[in-house]
Amino acid sequence: MKDVEVLNDKQKPLEWREYYTDNDPLTFRILNIEDSTLIVTEIADTNLPFGGGWTYQIAEENNSTKLTITENGEVYNPFFRFVSKYIIGHEATIKQFLSDLEDKTKKG
């Protein structure tokens, strides 16, 4: 990810746009926040060949923080579904996110 732009920090639901080096930007929104330990988001863009969202669950575990991310994605176009499954991999985005997060936490 190259940059993030908050689109409506005074309104609900919160929306933001993520800019990437190799891909078009994506717009997201928060659907639900419970107790600062559960955050549910979705892709807000409706003109894409895919959609879905992520649920982030944060918990204390053994004097550290455990983050569980559940990705709920849909690929509408059969061609993109094939590319996602056999070329890119369904888990590519979440793996990159977790790798970036791990790198950031190591750097402080």
Protein backbone atom coordinates (compact mmCIF):
# COMPACT_ATOMS: atom_id res chain seq x y z
CA MET A 1 0.00 0.00 0.00
CA LYS A 2 1.31 3.38 -0.99
CA ASP A 3 -1.17 5.76 0.66
CA VAL A 4 -4.52 6.02 2.46
CA GLU A 5 -7.07 8.81 2.10
CA VAL A 6 -9.84 9.19 4.71
CA LEU A 7 -12.98 10.18 2.82
CA ASN A 8 -15.42 11.04 5.62
CA ASP A 9 -13.92 11.02 9.11
CA LYS A 10 -16.89 12.98 10.56
CA GLN A 11 -19.61 10.71 9.20
CA LYS A 12 -20.61 7.11 9.70
CA PRO A 13 -19.83 4.71 8.30
CA LEU A 14 -16.18 5.65 8.06
CA GLU A 15 -14.87 5.33 4.50
CA TRP A 16 -11.32 5.44 3.19
CA ARG A 17 -9.45 4.81 -0.06
CA GLU A 18 -6.28 2.75 -0.24
CA TYR A 19 -3.74 3.47 -2.99
CA TYR A 20 -1.36 0.78 -4.18
CA THR A 21 1.82 0.75 -6.22
CA ASP A 22 0.67 -1.89 -8.72
CA ASN A 23 -3.15 -1.74 -8.58
CA ASP A 24 -6.03 0.70 -8.83
CA PRO A 25 -7.22 2.28 -5.56
CA LEU A 26 -9.95 0.58 -3.51
CA THR A 27 -12.56 2.25 -1.30
CA PHE A 28 -13.57 0.59 1.98
CA ARG A 29 -16.09 1.27 4.73
CA ILE A 30 -16.56 0.08 8.29
CA LEU A 31 -19.80 -1.81 8.77
CA ASN A 32 -19.52 -2.53 12.48
CA ILE A 33 -17.24 -1.96 15.44
CA GLU A 34 -17.85 -3.81 18.68
CA ASP A 35 -15.96 -2.83 21.78
CA SER A 36 -12.73 -2.03 19.84
CA THR A 37 -12.05 -5.77 19.58
CA LEU A 38 -14.12 -6.58 16.50
CA ILE A 39 -14.10 -4.52 13.30
CA VAL A 40 -16.10 -5.50 10.21
CA THR A 41 -15.30 -3.81 6.89
CA GLU A 42 -16.36 -4.10 3.27
CA ILE A 43 -15.26 -2.89 -0.15
CA ALA A 44 -17.42 0.15 -0.91
CA ASP A 45 -16.70 0.26 -4.64
CA THR A 46 -19.56 -1.28 -6.62
CA ASN A 47 -18.01 -1.21 -10.11
CA LEU A 48 -15.41 -3.93 -9.53
CA PRO A 49 -15.31 -7.56 -10.70
CA PHE A 50 -14.98 -8.56 -7.03
CA GLY A 51 -16.25 -7.54 -3.61
CA GLY A 52 -16.36 -8.58 -0.02
CA GLY A 53 -14.85 -7.56 3.26
CA TRP A 54 -12.76 -8.42 6.27
CA THR A 55 -13.49 -9.04 9.92
CA TYR A 56 -10.68 -8.14 12.32
CA GLN A 57 -10.82 -9.67 15.80
CA ILE A 58 -8.31 -8.47 18.39
CA ALA A 59 -7.70 -10.41 21.61
CA GLU A 60 -5.14 -10.56 24.39
CA GLU A 61 -3.26 -13.84 24.47
CA ASN A 62 -0.26 -14.78 26.61
CA ASN A 63 0.74 -11.15 27.33
CA SER A 64 0.56 -10.23 23.66
CA THR A 65 -2.05 -9.31 21.09
CA LYS A 66 -3.62 -11.85 18.75
CA LEU A 67 -5.17 -10.60 15.50
CA THR A 68 -7.54 -12.89 13.63
CA ILE A 69 -8.61 -11.77 10.16
CA THR A 70 -11.44 -13.41 8.26
CA GLU A 71 -11.68 -12.53 4.59
CA ASN A 72 -15.09 -12.90 2.92
CA GLY A 73 -14.61 -12.32 -0.78
CA GLU A 74 -16.63 -12.71 -3.92
CA VAL A 75 -15.39 -12.77 -7.51
CA TYR A 76 -18.27 -12.06 -9.88
CA ASN A 77 -16.63 -12.57 -13.27
CA PRO A 78 -15.76 -16.20 -14.17
CA PHE A 79 -12.51 -15.13 -15.87
CA PHE A 80 -11.33 -13.23 -12.77
CA ARG A 81 -12.46 -16.14 -10.59
CA PHE A 82 -10.18 -18.44 -12.62
CA VAL A 83 -7.25 -15.99 -12.38
CA SER A 84 -7.80 -15.56 -8.64
CA LYS A 85 -7.90 -19.28 -7.97
CA TYR A 86 -5.21 -20.62 -10.31
CA ILE A 87 -2.81 -17.75 -10.99
CA ILE A 88 -2.87 -15.21 -8.15
CA GLY A 89 -4.27 -17.42 -5.41
CA HIS A 90 -7.30 -16.69 -3.24
CA GLU A 91 -5.07 -15.98 -0.25
CA ALA A 92 -2.60 -13.59 -1.93
CA THR A 93 -4.11 -10.38 -0.51
CA ILE A 94 -4.38 -11.62 3.07
CA LYS A 95 -0.88 -13.09 2.98
CA GLN A 96 0.54 -9.78 1.75
CA PHE A 97 -1.41 -7.87 4.42
CA LEU A 98 -0.12 -10.12 7.20
CA SER A 99 3.44 -9.94 5.87
CA ASP A 100 3.29 -6.12 5.73
CA LEU A 101 1.83 -6.01 9.24
CA GLU A 102 4.56 -8.28 10.59
CA ASP A 103 7.26 -6.15 8.94
CA LYS A 104 5.76 -2.99 10.42
CA THR A 105 5.55 -4.42 13.96
CA LYS A 106 9.18 -5.55 13.80
CA LYS A 107 10.31 -2.06 12.77
CA GLY A 108 8.27 -0.44 15.52
